[in-house]
């Protein structure tokens, strides 16, 4: 009688169930041991000097994985360092650099709050009469990013000059700046291939949000009943514009809050809201290395624990982690030597340095 398999086919015709019957038996360890010395299975290559060199590149001990880094990041030599706050770090040099960047980022936040430089000061002054114009100025700063050097706001000034003699007041009429040759800073979100598309998306977002909320300041004011942290969270979610990366969104809201233009305060780094292309965000990449995990929820928890331990706003970790990860300090419009000495001392103590 014909036999049927579980796929309702004749057993000998089923490509799945008949496979064990036609497959050549595998060579057992006993058979392998019985093979004459020097023989090889058919189709294999002799391992030459090149293969041996690759297997022990740079003199690495046999069986030890090679430490090859392709992200261009700077890493200190492992010296037995261990800290519960930084489970991903094994070098005290890396922890010391992070403490320095936290001290710099904290000092920058304090400067924005009390004595903002350059275009930040102009945005604060403008906010008294035209909060949306001031927000547009801050948006260009966050989107294009201040450059490093003598005049960090040169690119933003060019963009502002491209929409009218007074810059910040004409953007709502339909004129958008040409960003073709505008200098870009290290944390820019601008993609030259997009042209002014992101600026147009921002203007549409302001008009749509203002219409829903009402009032000239409605786009960023939100619901009056919201707390500063709730307002920050909701605006970060709503500002998901084409071409505006996580760094640009976060920096914009931090600047608006620190300059006193809107009641905003970040209480997390908002890793849970990033997906896909945003995975290349420098802050996110650095956080995964520092905290030794990739899950957004645990990243947030460990970032908050670090901020509390060194007694800084969690907002400071956005720039601190990004600068630590790239190995180059993006100053974002403030002097590079800026440093909060008390924060540095507390960070070093909390990190066991």
Foldseek 3Di string as FASTA:
>chain_A
DFDADPVRDGQCPDPPNVVVVPDDDDDDPVNVVPDDPPDDPPPDDDQDPVNVCVQQPPNNDHPDDDDDDDPLWDADDFDQADALLFHLHRDVVLLLLLLFLLQLLQLQLVCLQPPPDDLLVVLLVCLVPALVLSLVLLLLCLAQFFADDDGRCQLSVQQQVQQDDRRSPRLLVPGGGFNQPRHGHPNHLDDVVCTCVQVVQVSVQQVVQCVVQDDSPRSQAPDVVDAQQRSLVVQLVSSPTVSQALSSSLSSQSSCCSSPSYSHAHQWSPPVPDDDPNCPPLLLVLLCNRRVHNDSVVSRVSLNVLCVQLVGRSSSSSQSSSCSGNVHHRNRRDDPVRGNVSSSVSSCVNSVD
